[in-house]
Structure formats: structure tokens, C-alpha cells
Amino acid sequence: MSDERTNHDLEQSLRAALRPADPGADFPAGVLARLAAEPARTLRPARSLATASWLTFALAASVVLGLFIAHERQVRRTEQGLEARRQLIQALRVTGEKLELASRAVNTTEHSTDSLHSGA
């Protein structure tokens, strides 16, 4: 029951402290007079210097990371191009060897046919 009494007392104290009070007729004039008497204050920047420094660092890190990724992609494309070139050269060599072999076979067959027809 003491908890209920304590809660009730706390509630009554809060009601008394938060009870609306009439500030008086001269309250608005007093506020305006104080505002007019004080020099204009400059607004503080929304971000502190430390926050601005971190934002600058984060922006710089993002730019560097972007450049690194672009460079890596270019290197990969170059490597892929060189590999394709190597494969093409190898394919052309094999094709050349096969054509040479076919040419020899055709020429050998022609010489054999010529020698049979020549009566030699």
C-alpha cells in the first residue's frame, strides 16, 4: 500500500508542478524586447567538424575504391583479350598445319595419278 501512496503523492506533485499558469499580460512584450536587445546569433552548422572530416574521408575512400575497381576491370579485359589472341593464333597454326597436310595429300595423290597415266 505504501507504493500506491508514493505513486499518488508523485502524481499530485506532478499535477501541481505542471498546472497551467498565466504568464501575465506583459510576457510577450518582454520576450520581444529581449530578442531585440540580443545580437543576432549565427546558426551553428548542422554537422560538426569531426563529422565533416569523416564525410570527406568517406568520400575520398569511395573515389579511390571506384578507381581501383575500374582499373581491375580494365586489367581483366586486357588479360581476356590477350588470352583470346593466344587462342586465335593457336587455332590458326593448327588450321595451317591441317591445310598443309591436306595439300600434301592432294599433291601426292595427283603425282600418283599422273605417274599411272604417263605409262612410266
C-alpha atoms as a PDB file:
ATOM      1  CA  MET A   1       0.000   0.000   0.000  1.00  0.00           C
ATOM      2  CA  SER A   2       2.943   2.338   0.511  1.00  0.00           C
ATOM      3  CA  ASP A   3       3.734   2.054  -3.218  1.00  0.00           C
ATOM      4  CA  GLU A   4       0.231   3.275  -4.024  1.00  0.00           C
ATOM      5  CA  ARG A   5       0.637   6.176  -1.628  1.00  0.00           C
ATOM      6  CA  THR A   6       4.025   7.061  -3.143  1.00  0.00           C
ATOM      7  CA  ASN A   7       2.563   6.921  -6.665  1.00  0.00           C
ATOM      8  CA  HIS A   8      -0.383   9.077  -5.583  1.00  0.00           C
ATOM      9  CA  ASP A   9       1.924  11.662  -3.969  1.00  0.00           C
ATOM     10  CA  LEU A  10       4.126  11.716  -7.072  1.00  0.00           C
ATOM     11  CA  GLU A  11       1.099  12.196  -9.279  1.00  0.00           C
ATOM     12  CA  GLN A  12      -0.182  15.063  -7.109  1.00  0.00           C
ATOM     13  CA  SER A  13       3.249  16.733  -7.168  1.00  0.00           C
ATOM     14  CA  LEU A  14       3.428  16.457 -10.944  1.00  0.00           C
ATOM     15  CA  ARG A  15      -0.083  17.873 -11.359  1.00  0.00           C
ATOM     16  CA  ALA A  16       0.798  20.838  -9.152  1.00  0.00           C
ATOM     17  CA  ALA A  17       4.079  21.475 -10.987  1.00  0.00           C
ATOM     18  CA  LEU A  18       2.529  21.158 -14.423  1.00  0.00           C
ATOM     19  CA  ARG A  19      -0.579  23.173 -13.671  1.00  0.00           C
ATOM     20  CA  PRO A  20      -1.129  25.880 -16.310  1.00  0.00           C
ATOM     21  CA  ALA A  21      -0.030  29.296 -15.131  1.00  0.00           C
ATOM     22  CA  ASP A  22      -0.879  32.664 -16.596  1.00  0.00           C
ATOM     23  CA  PRO A  23       2.413  34.325 -17.604  1.00  0.00           C
ATOM     24  CA  GLY A  24       0.868  37.768 -17.423  1.00  0.00           C
ATOM     25  CA  ALA A  25      -0.039  40.351 -19.992  1.00  0.00           C
ATOM     26  CA  ASP A  26       3.475  41.748 -20.294  1.00  0.00           C
ATOM     27  CA  PHE A  27       5.105  38.349 -21.075  1.00  0.00           C
ATOM     28  CA  PRO A  28       5.013  38.609 -24.918  1.00  0.00           C
ATOM     29  CA  ALA A  29       6.335  42.185 -24.814  1.00  0.00           C
ATOM     30  CA  GLY A  30       9.181  41.112 -22.514  1.00  0.00           C
ATOM     31  CA  VAL A  31      10.195  38.250 -24.827  1.00  0.00           C
ATOM     32  CA  LEU A  32      10.175  40.540 -27.859  1.00  0.00           C
ATOM     33  CA  ALA A  33      12.219  43.172 -26.022  1.00  0.00           C
ATOM     34  CA  ARG A  34      14.876  40.610 -25.032  1.00  0.00           C
ATOM     35  CA  LEU A  35      15.062  39.298 -28.605  1.00  0.00           C
ATOM     36  CA  ALA A  36      15.522  42.824 -29.944  1.00  0.00           C
ATOM     37  CA  ALA A  37      18.253  43.575 -27.396  1.00  0.00           C
ATOM     38  CA  GLU A  38      20.359  40.467 -28.136  1.00  0.00           C
ATOM     39  CA  PRO A  39      22.667  40.445 -31.149  1.00  0.00           C
ATOM     40  CA  ALA A  40      21.666  38.129 -33.947  1.00  0.00           C
ATOM     41  CA  ARG A  41      23.156  34.697 -33.439  1.00  0.00           C
ATOM     42  CA  THR A  42      24.616  32.789 -36.305  1.00  0.00           C
ATOM     43  CA  LEU A  43      23.231  29.344 -36.735  1.00  0.00           C
ATOM     44  CA  ARG A  44      25.647  26.601 -35.843  1.00  0.00           C
ATOM     45  CA  PRO A  45      26.400  24.265 -38.738  1.00  0.00           C
ATOM     46  CA  ALA A  46      24.337  21.111 -38.640  1.00  0.00           C
ATOM     47  CA  ARG A  47      27.458  18.964 -38.827  1.00  0.00           C
ATOM     48  CA  SER A  48      30.400  19.286 -36.551  1.00  0.00           C
ATOM     49  CA  LEU A  49      33.965  19.469 -37.837  1.00  0.00           C
ATOM     50  CA  ALA A  50      34.570  15.826 -36.917  1.00  0.00           C
ATOM     51  CA  THR A  51      31.514  14.708 -38.869  1.00  0.00           C
ATOM     52  CA  ALA A  52      32.595  16.778 -41.866  1.00  0.00           C
ATOM     53  CA  SER A  53      36.066  15.216 -41.671  1.00  0.00           C
ATOM     54  CA  TRP A  54      34.619  11.715 -41.641  1.00  0.00           C
ATOM     55  CA  LEU A  55      32.354  12.551 -44.562  1.00  0.00           C
ATOM     56  CA  THR A  56      35.335  13.894 -46.516  1.00  0.00           C
ATOM     57  CA  PHE A  57      37.322  10.764 -45.702  1.00  0.00           C
ATOM     58  CA  ALA A  58      34.424   8.513 -46.717  1.00  0.00           C
ATOM     59  CA  LEU A  59      34.013  10.377 -49.999  1.00  0.00           C
ATOM     60  CA  ALA A  60      37.739  10.126 -50.760  1.00  0.00           C
ATOM     61  CA  ALA A  61      37.757   6.424 -49.891  1.00  0.00           C
ATOM     62  CA  SER A  62      34.767   5.856 -52.197  1.00  0.00           C
ATOM     63  CA  VAL A  63      36.541   7.605 -55.079  1.00  0.00           C
ATOM     64  CA  VAL A  64      39.728   5.584 -54.543  1.00  0.00           C
ATOM     65  CA  LEU A  65      37.746   2.341 -54.334  1.00  0.00           C
ATOM     66  CA  GLY A  66      35.868   3.218 -57.514  1.00  0.00           C
ATOM     67  CA  LEU A  67      39.126   3.927 -59.358  1.00  0.00           C
ATOM     68  CA  PHE A  68      40.621   0.660 -58.106  1.00  0.00           C
ATOM     69  CA  ILE A  69      37.602  -1.331 -59.292  1.00  0.00           C
ATOM     70  CA  ALA A  70      37.682   0.382 -62.703  1.00  0.00           C
ATOM     71  CA  HIS A  71      41.416  -0.399 -63.009  1.00  0.00           C
ATOM     72  CA  GLU A  72      40.882  -4.053 -62.068  1.00  0.00           C
ATOM     73  CA  ARG A  73      38.124  -4.386 -64.677  1.00  0.00           C
ATOM     74  CA  GLN A  74      40.410  -2.910 -67.324  1.00  0.00           C
ATOM     75  CA  VAL A  75      43.212  -5.304 -66.364  1.00  0.00           C
ATOM     76  CA  ARG A  76      40.786  -8.242 -66.548  1.00  0.00           C
ATOM     77  CA  ARG A  77      39.562  -7.133 -70.006  1.00  0.00           C
ATOM     78  CA  THR A  78      43.161  -6.828 -71.215  1.00  0.00           C
ATOM     79  CA  GLU A  79      44.002 -10.295 -69.889  1.00  0.00           C
ATOM     80  CA  GLN A  80      40.894 -11.761 -71.558  1.00  0.00           C
ATOM     81  CA  GLY A  81      41.842 -10.076 -74.842  1.00  0.00           C
ATOM     82  CA  LEU A  82      45.382 -11.462 -74.674  1.00  0.00           C
ATOM     83  CA  GLU A  83      44.049 -14.958 -73.942  1.00  0.00           C
ATOM     84  CA  ALA A  84      41.643 -14.728 -76.899  1.00  0.00           C
ATOM     85  CA  ARG A  85      44.554 -13.601 -79.111  1.00  0.00           C
ATOM     86  CA  ARG A  86      46.683 -16.541 -77.940  1.00  0.00           C
ATOM     87  CA  GLN A  87      43.841 -18.989 -78.671  1.00  0.00           C
ATOM     88  CA  LEU A  88      43.271 -17.469 -82.126  1.00  0.00           C
ATOM     89  CA  ILE A  89      46.959 -17.762 -83.027  1.00  0.00           C
ATOM     90  CA  GLN A  90      46.971 -21.381 -81.858  1.00  0.00           C
ATOM     91  CA  ALA A  91      43.832 -22.129 -83.898  1.00  0.00           C
ATOM     92  CA  LEU A  92      45.403 -20.523 -86.982  1.00  0.00           C
ATOM     93  CA  ARG A  93      48.557 -22.616 -86.527  1.00  0.00           C
ATOM     94  CA  VAL A  94      46.545 -25.825 -86.248  1.00  0.00           C
ATOM     95  CA  THR A  95      44.469 -24.822 -89.282  1.00  0.00           C
ATOM     96  CA  GLY A  96      47.654 -24.067 -91.226  1.00  0.00           C
ATOM     97  CA  GLU A  97      49.127 -27.447 -90.319  1.00  0.00           C
ATOM     98  CA  LYS A  98      45.926 -29.232 -91.376  1.00  0.00           C
ATOM     99  CA  LEU A  99      45.804 -27.319 -94.652  1.00  0.00           C
ATOM    100  CA  GLU A 100      49.455 -28.171 -95.303  1.00  0.00           C
ATOM    101  CA  LEU A 101      48.713 -31.841 -94.595  1.00  0.00           C
ATOM    102  CA  ALA A 102      45.679 -31.775 -96.908  1.00  0.00           C
ATOM    103  CA  SER A 103      47.706 -30.034 -99.602  1.00  0.00           C
ATOM    104  CA  ARG A 104      50.412 -32.681 -99.392  1.00  0.00           C
ATOM    105  CA  ALA A 105      47.828 -35.430 -99.577  1.00  0.00           C
ATOM    106  CA  VAL A 106      46.200 -33.875-102.646  1.00  0.00           C
ATOM    107  CA  ASN A 107      49.565 -33.298-104.341  1.00  0.00           C
ATOM    108  CA  THR A 108      50.741 -36.804-103.550  1.00  0.00           C
ATOM    109  CA  THR A 109      47.528 -38.248-104.986  1.00  0.00           C
ATOM    110  CA  GLU A 110      47.898 -36.110-108.135  1.00  0.00           C
ATOM    111  CA  HIS A 111      51.504 -37.270-108.639  1.00  0.00           C
ATOM    112  CA  SER A 112      50.444 -40.871-108.178  1.00  0.00           C
ATOM    113  CA  THR A 113      47.638 -40.464-110.702  1.00  0.00           C
ATOM    114  CA  ASP A 114      49.957 -38.691-113.174  1.00  0.00           C
ATOM    115  CA  SER A 115      52.562 -41.395-112.950  1.00  0.00           C
ATOM    116  CA  LEU A 116      49.927 -44.083-113.576  1.00  0.00           C
ATOM    117  CA  HIS A 117      48.638 -42.253-116.659  1.00  0.00           C
ATOM    118  CA  SER A 118      52.051 -41.400-118.030  1.00  0.00           C
ATOM    119  CA  GLY A 119      52.864 -45.019-118.573  1.00  0.00           C
ATOM    120  CA  ALA A 120      56.006 -44.900-116.605  1.00  0.00           C
END
